[in-house]
Amino acid sequence: MSDSPVLDSPEAIDAHLAAAIERWERGRRGVRFVLCDAEDRVQVHCPVDDLPARLDPDDCAQAVGIFANALAERAGDGSMLVVLTRSGSSAVSDPDRLWFHTAYHVCGQAGVRLLGVHLVTPTDQRRILLDDAL
């Protein structure tokens, strides 16, 4: 899959998300796990749509864990990008913070490199940084 994008910089991630996530998907409440190989080359997108409005931390951990553990078992040196989609502004919300902290915690436990947690809305996209999640 030499023509798969390599997510080796913030610019590469931004360009990939802009091209890979359709406009109609940007306003849906969901999370997308982008699984990559050891060189951060995109292997597969795993979207999870129709998330409940109120998320339980255990549900988030289970969702992240499914993909992080599968990646760790399949390609022990792979990486993952977590992408949140929803309507509204790109201001970081409490559910976004929950996904951020859960993704870093679960990926750390599974030994999976997390390339970041990104938020994509109908009008914007951004990386969620630690300062945003405090």
Protein backbone atom coordinates (compact mmCIF):
# COMPACT_ATOMS: atom_id res chain seq x y z
CA MET A 1 0.00 0.00 0.00
CA SER A 2 2.73 2.45 -0.96
CA ASP A 3 0.12 4.99 -2.08
CA SER A 4 -1.42 5.22 1.41
CA PRO A 5 -0.89 8.58 3.12
CA VAL A 6 1.83 8.79 5.74
CA LEU A 7 0.73 10.71 8.83
CA ASP A 8 4.19 11.90 9.83
CA SER A 9 3.44 15.57 10.52
CA PRO A 10 0.57 17.80 11.66
CA GLU A 11 0.24 19.04 8.08
CA ALA A 12 0.00 15.50 6.71
CA ILE A 13 -2.68 14.62 9.26
CA ASP A 14 -4.68 17.78 8.47
CA ALA A 15 -4.48 17.12 4.72
CA HIS A 16 -5.50 13.50 5.15
CA LEU A 17 -8.50 14.32 7.32
CA ALA A 18 -9.62 17.06 4.94
CA ALA A 19 -9.54 14.60 2.05
CA ALA A 20 -10.78 11.47 3.84
CA ILE A 21 -13.79 12.72 5.80
CA GLU A 22 -16.73 13.66 3.64
CA ARG A 23 -18.64 16.86 4.35
CA TRP A 24 -21.77 14.93 5.39
CA GLU A 25 -19.73 12.92 7.93
CA ARG A 26 -18.33 15.99 9.65
CA GLY A 27 -21.59 16.89 11.40
CA ARG A 28 -22.39 13.41 12.70
CA ARG A 29 -21.57 12.52 16.28
CA GLY A 30 -18.95 9.81 15.94
CA VAL A 31 -15.40 8.70 16.43
CA ARG A 32 -13.04 7.34 13.80
CA PHE A 33 -10.00 5.23 14.55
CA VAL A 34 -7.33 5.54 11.86
CA LEU A 35 -5.01 2.55 12.16
CA CYS A 36 -1.51 2.93 10.75
CA ASP A 37 1.57 0.76 10.29
CA ALA A 38 5.02 1.27 11.82
CA GLU A 39 5.79 4.08 9.36
CA ASP A 40 2.50 5.87 10.21
CA ARG A 41 1.08 4.84 6.82
CA VAL A 42 -2.73 4.69 6.89
CA GLN A 43 -3.98 1.12 6.76
CA VAL A 44 -7.69 1.47 7.54
CA HIS A 45 -10.30 3.90 8.88
CA CYS A 46 -12.72 2.40 11.42
CA PRO A 47 -15.65 4.80 11.91
CA VAL A 48 -18.09 4.41 14.80
CA ASP A 49 -21.23 6.49 14.23
CA ASP A 50 -24.37 7.36 16.15
CA LEU A 51 -22.72 7.72 19.53
CA PRO A 52 -25.02 8.56 22.44
CA ALA A 53 -25.17 12.20 23.49
CA ARG A 54 -23.99 11.27 26.97
CA LEU A 55 -20.94 9.03 27.04
CA ASP A 56 -19.85 6.80 29.87
CA PRO A 57 -16.06 6.73 30.46
CA ASP A 58 -16.11 2.92 30.43
CA ASP A 59 -17.79 2.91 27.01
CA CYS A 60 -15.08 5.22 25.64
CA ALA A 61 -12.36 3.04 27.12
CA GLN A 62 -13.92 -0.08 25.65
CA ALA A 63 -14.17 1.47 22.17
CA VAL A 64 -10.58 2.73 22.19
CA GLY A 65 -9.40 -0.55 23.68
CA ILE A 66 -10.93 -2.66 20.93
CA PHE A 67 -8.92 -0.87 18.26
CA ALA A 68 -5.76 -0.28 20.31
CA ASN A 69 -5.55 -3.92 21.39
CA ALA A 70 -6.25 -5.18 17.86
CA LEU A 71 -3.51 -2.92 16.51
CA ALA A 72 -1.07 -4.01 19.22
CA GLU A 73 -1.71 -7.68 18.47
CA ARG A 74 -1.57 -7.31 14.70
CA ALA A 75 1.29 -4.87 14.27
CA GLY A 76 3.01 -4.32 17.57
CA ASP A 77 4.70 -1.18 16.30
CA GLY A 78 1.72 0.46 14.59
CA SER A 79 0.08 3.76 15.46
CA MET A 80 -3.43 5.15 15.76
CA LEU A 81 -5.14 8.48 15.21
CA VAL A 82 -8.45 9.19 16.97
CA VAL A 83 -10.80 11.56 15.15
CA LEU A 84 -13.97 12.95 16.71
CA THR A 85 -16.74 14.21 14.46
CA ARG A 86 -19.69 16.29 15.58
CA SER A 87 -21.77 19.34 14.80
CA GLY A 88 -21.13 22.70 16.39
CA SER A 89 -17.99 24.72 16.84
CA SER A 90 -14.45 23.48 17.19
CA ALA A 91 -14.31 24.60 20.82
CA VAL A 92 -13.29 21.61 22.93
CA SER A 93 -16.19 20.20 24.96
CA ASP A 94 -16.34 17.86 27.95
CA PRO A 95 -17.01 14.77 25.77
CA ASP A 96 -14.00 15.73 23.61
CA ARG A 97 -11.87 15.90 26.76
CA LEU A 98 -13.13 12.48 27.83
CA TRP A 99 -12.11 10.94 24.48
CA PHE A 100 -8.71 12.70 24.67
CA HIS A 101 -7.82 11.42 28.12
CA THR A 102 -9.22 7.95 27.45
CA ALA A 103 -7.35 7.59 24.16
CA TYR A 104 -4.00 8.50 25.70
CA HIS A 105 -4.56 6.28 28.73
CA VAL A 106 -5.76 3.20 26.83
CA CYS A 107 -3.17 3.48 24.06
CA GLY A 108 -0.44 3.88 26.66
CA GLN A 109 -1.57 0.71 28.41
CA ALA A 110 -1.75 -1.19 25.11
CA GLY A 111 1.65 0.04 23.94
CA VAL A 112 0.18 1.75 20.87
CA ARG A 113 1.61 5.06 19.62
CA LEU A 114 -1.19 7.60 19.51
CA LEU A 115 -0.71 10.14 16.74
CA GLY A 116 -3.19 12.44 18.42
CA VAL A 117 -6.85 13.17 18.96
CA HIS A 118 -8.45 15.44 16.38
CA LEU A 119 -11.81 17.15 16.22
CA VAL A 120 -13.59 17.58 12.88
CA THR A 121 -16.75 19.68 12.60
CA PRO A 122 -18.69 20.81 9.52
CA THR A 123 -16.63 24.01 9.31
CA ASP A 124 -13.30 23.27 10.97
CA GLN A 125 -10.79 20.67 12.10
CA ARG A 126 -8.15 20.82 14.80
CA ARG A 127 -5.89 18.74 16.99
CA ILE A 128 -6.91 18.60 20.63
CA LEU A 129 -3.90 19.49 22.75
CA LEU A 130 -3.28 18.79 26.42
CA ASP A 131 -3.97 22.45 27.26
CA ASP A 132 -7.41 22.05 25.64
CA ALA A 133 -8.16 18.94 27.66
CA LEU A 134 -7.32 20.27 31.13
